[in-house]
């Protein structure tokens, strides 16, 4: 079993404390990245994440994605980090 980190970059806007999932609700997702320290995450992992760049951030979609990723049976822990992303212009 291994650890997976799901990183979500959001558009700039009102400040929100890191980890305050509900305060990011409604902001546009700029990036979704899987960081699997043991090498590449299983191919099926990305398909189970309900969030994509351009989508609106929804905490319930994050929760469902985590449940689906755990259902693969390969991760012992999943961490989600959401933070404002820079403006590309």
C-alpha atoms as a PDB file:
ATOM      1  CA  UNK A   1       0.000   0.000   0.000  1.00  0.00           C
ATOM      2  CA  UNK A   2       1.189   3.520  -0.722  1.00  0.00           C
ATOM      3  CA  UNK A   3       0.348   7.190  -0.296  1.00  0.00           C
ATOM      4  CA  UNK A   4      -1.221   9.369  -2.992  1.00  0.00           C
ATOM      5  CA  UNK A   5      -1.322  13.170  -2.876  1.00  0.00           C
ATOM      6  CA  UNK A   6      -4.056  14.860  -4.897  1.00  0.00           C
ATOM      7  CA  UNK A   7      -3.060  18.468  -5.597  1.00  0.00           C
ATOM      8  CA  UNK A   8      -5.685  20.937  -6.771  1.00  0.00           C
ATOM      9  CA  UNK A   9      -4.626  24.389  -8.035  1.00  0.00           C
ATOM     10  CA  UNK A  10      -7.366  27.021  -7.993  1.00  0.00           C
ATOM     11  CA  UNK A  11      -7.737  30.365  -9.726  1.00  0.00           C
ATOM     12  CA  UNK A  12      -6.776  33.403  -7.718  1.00  0.00           C
ATOM     13  CA  UNK A  13      -9.540  35.175  -5.920  1.00  0.00           C
ATOM     14  CA  UNK A  14     -10.505  35.794  -2.339  1.00  0.00           C
ATOM     15  CA  UNK A  15      -7.961  34.503   0.154  1.00  0.00           C
ATOM     16  CA  UNK A  16      -8.737  31.227   1.861  1.00  0.00           C
ATOM     17  CA  UNK A  17      -6.779  29.320   4.427  1.00  0.00           C
ATOM     18  CA  UNK A  18      -5.001  26.248   3.019  1.00  0.00           C
ATOM     19  CA  UNK A  19      -6.920  23.105   3.873  1.00  0.00           C
ATOM     20  CA  UNK A  20     -10.182  25.005   4.314  1.00  0.00           C
ATOM     21  CA  UNK A  21     -12.033  22.929   1.743  1.00  0.00           C
ATOM     22  CA  UNK A  22     -15.402  24.638   2.065  1.00  0.00           C
ATOM     23  CA  UNK A  23     -13.878  28.099   1.582  1.00  0.00           C
ATOM     24  CA  UNK A  24     -12.674  27.079  -1.897  1.00  0.00           C
ATOM     25  CA  UNK A  25     -16.169  26.035  -3.031  1.00  0.00           C
ATOM     26  CA  UNK A  26     -17.082  27.589  -6.374  1.00  0.00           C
ATOM     27  CA  UNK A  27     -13.567  28.575  -7.406  1.00  0.00           C
ATOM     28  CA  UNK A  28     -12.325  27.380 -10.797  1.00  0.00           C
ATOM     29  CA  UNK A  29      -9.833  24.520 -10.842  1.00  0.00           C
ATOM     30  CA  UNK A  30      -6.646  25.326 -12.757  1.00  0.00           C
ATOM     31  CA  UNK A  31      -4.780  22.050 -12.221  1.00  0.00           C
ATOM     32  CA  UNK A  32      -5.323  18.566 -10.810  1.00  0.00           C
ATOM     33  CA  UNK A  33      -2.167  16.581 -10.210  1.00  0.00           C
ATOM     34  CA  UNK A  34      -1.466  13.180  -8.673  1.00  0.00           C
ATOM     35  CA  UNK A  35       1.788  12.911  -6.768  1.00  0.00           C
ATOM     36  CA  UNK A  36       2.623   9.284  -6.028  1.00  0.00           C
ATOM     37  CA  UNK A  37       5.991   9.150  -4.211  1.00  0.00           C
ATOM     38  CA  UNK A  38       6.517   5.479  -5.099  1.00  0.00           C
ATOM     39  CA  UNK A  39       6.449   6.165  -8.854  1.00  0.00           C
ATOM     40  CA  UNK A  40       3.557   6.689 -11.235  1.00  0.00           C
ATOM     41  CA  UNK A  41       0.078   6.239  -9.778  1.00  0.00           C
ATOM     42  CA  UNK A  42      -1.969   3.371 -11.225  1.00  0.00           C
ATOM     43  CA  UNK A  43      -3.490   4.345 -14.595  1.00  0.00           C
ATOM     44  CA  UNK A  44      -7.040   3.950 -13.278  1.00  0.00           C
ATOM     45  CA  UNK A  45      -6.403   6.577 -10.583  1.00  0.00           C
ATOM     46  CA  UNK A  46      -6.930   9.627 -12.811  1.00  0.00           C
ATOM     47  CA  UNK A  47     -10.199   8.267 -14.172  1.00  0.00           C
ATOM     48  CA  UNK A  48     -11.629   8.071 -10.640  1.00  0.00           C
ATOM     49  CA  UNK A  49     -11.089  11.768  -9.864  1.00  0.00           C
ATOM     50  CA  UNK A  50     -14.251  13.757 -10.454  1.00  0.00           C
ATOM     51  CA  UNK A  51     -12.452  17.106 -10.805  1.00  0.00           C
ATOM     52  CA  UNK A  52     -10.718  18.472 -13.906  1.00  0.00           C
ATOM     53  CA  UNK A  53      -9.167  21.797 -14.888  1.00  0.00           C
ATOM     54  CA  UNK A  54     -11.930  24.282 -15.708  1.00  0.00           C
ATOM     55  CA  UNK A  55     -14.420  22.663 -13.313  1.00  0.00           C
ATOM     56  CA  UNK A  56     -15.815  24.407 -10.255  1.00  0.00           C
ATOM     57  CA  UNK A  57     -14.308  23.139  -6.983  1.00  0.00           C
ATOM     58  CA  UNK A  58     -16.816  21.037  -5.036  1.00  0.00           C
ATOM     59  CA  UNK A  59     -15.779  19.450  -1.704  1.00  0.00           C
ATOM     60  CA  UNK A  60     -18.315  16.644  -2.190  1.00  0.00           C
ATOM     61  CA  UNK A  61     -16.606  15.694  -5.478  1.00  0.00           C
ATOM     62  CA  UNK A  62     -13.280  15.551  -3.617  1.00  0.00           C
ATOM     63  CA  UNK A  63     -14.798  13.239  -0.990  1.00  0.00           C
ATOM     64  CA  UNK A  64     -16.259  10.917  -3.650  1.00  0.00           C
ATOM     65  CA  UNK A  65     -12.945  10.883  -5.527  1.00  0.00           C
ATOM     66  CA  UNK A  66     -11.093   9.878  -2.365  1.00  0.00           C
ATOM     67  CA  UNK A  67     -13.572   7.053  -1.725  1.00  0.00           C
ATOM     68  CA  UNK A  68     -13.190   5.809  -5.298  1.00  0.00           C
ATOM     69  CA  UNK A  69      -9.378   5.961  -5.139  1.00  0.00           C
ATOM     70  CA  UNK A  70      -9.394   3.958  -1.894  1.00  0.00           C
ATOM     71  CA  UNK A  71     -11.588   1.365  -3.628  1.00  0.00           C
ATOM     72  CA  UNK A  72      -8.586   0.462  -5.834  1.00  0.00           C
ATOM     73  CA  UNK A  73      -7.021  -1.108  -2.738  1.00  0.00           C
ATOM     74  CA  UNK A  74      -3.524   0.221  -3.508  1.00  0.00           C
ATOM     75  CA  UNK A  75      -3.387   3.349  -1.317  1.00  0.00           C
ATOM     76  CA  UNK A  76      -3.007   3.373   2.454  1.00  0.00           C
ATOM     77  CA  UNK A  77      -3.437   7.152   2.632  1.00  0.00           C
ATOM     78  CA  UNK A  78      -4.662   9.922   0.337  1.00  0.00           C
ATOM     79  CA  UNK A  79      -3.895  13.565   1.077  1.00  0.00           C
ATOM     80  CA  UNK A  80      -5.616  16.459  -0.670  1.00  0.00           C
ATOM     81  CA  UNK A  81      -3.941  19.853  -0.932  1.00  0.00           C
ATOM     82  CA  UNK A  82      -5.808  22.795  -2.436  1.00  0.00           C
ATOM     83  CA  UNK A  83      -4.075  26.111  -2.934  1.00  0.00           C
ATOM     84  CA  UNK A  84      -4.436  29.196  -5.101  1.00  0.00           C
ATOM     85  CA  UNK A  85      -2.554  28.910  -8.398  1.00  0.00           C
ATOM     86  CA  UNK A  86      -0.716  31.780 -10.073  1.00  0.00           C
ATOM     87  CA  UNK A  87      -2.379  33.739 -12.837  1.00  0.00           C
ATOM     88  CA  UNK A  88      -0.978  32.806 -16.261  1.00  0.00           C
ATOM     89  CA  UNK A  89      -2.346  35.957 -17.694  1.00  0.00           C
END
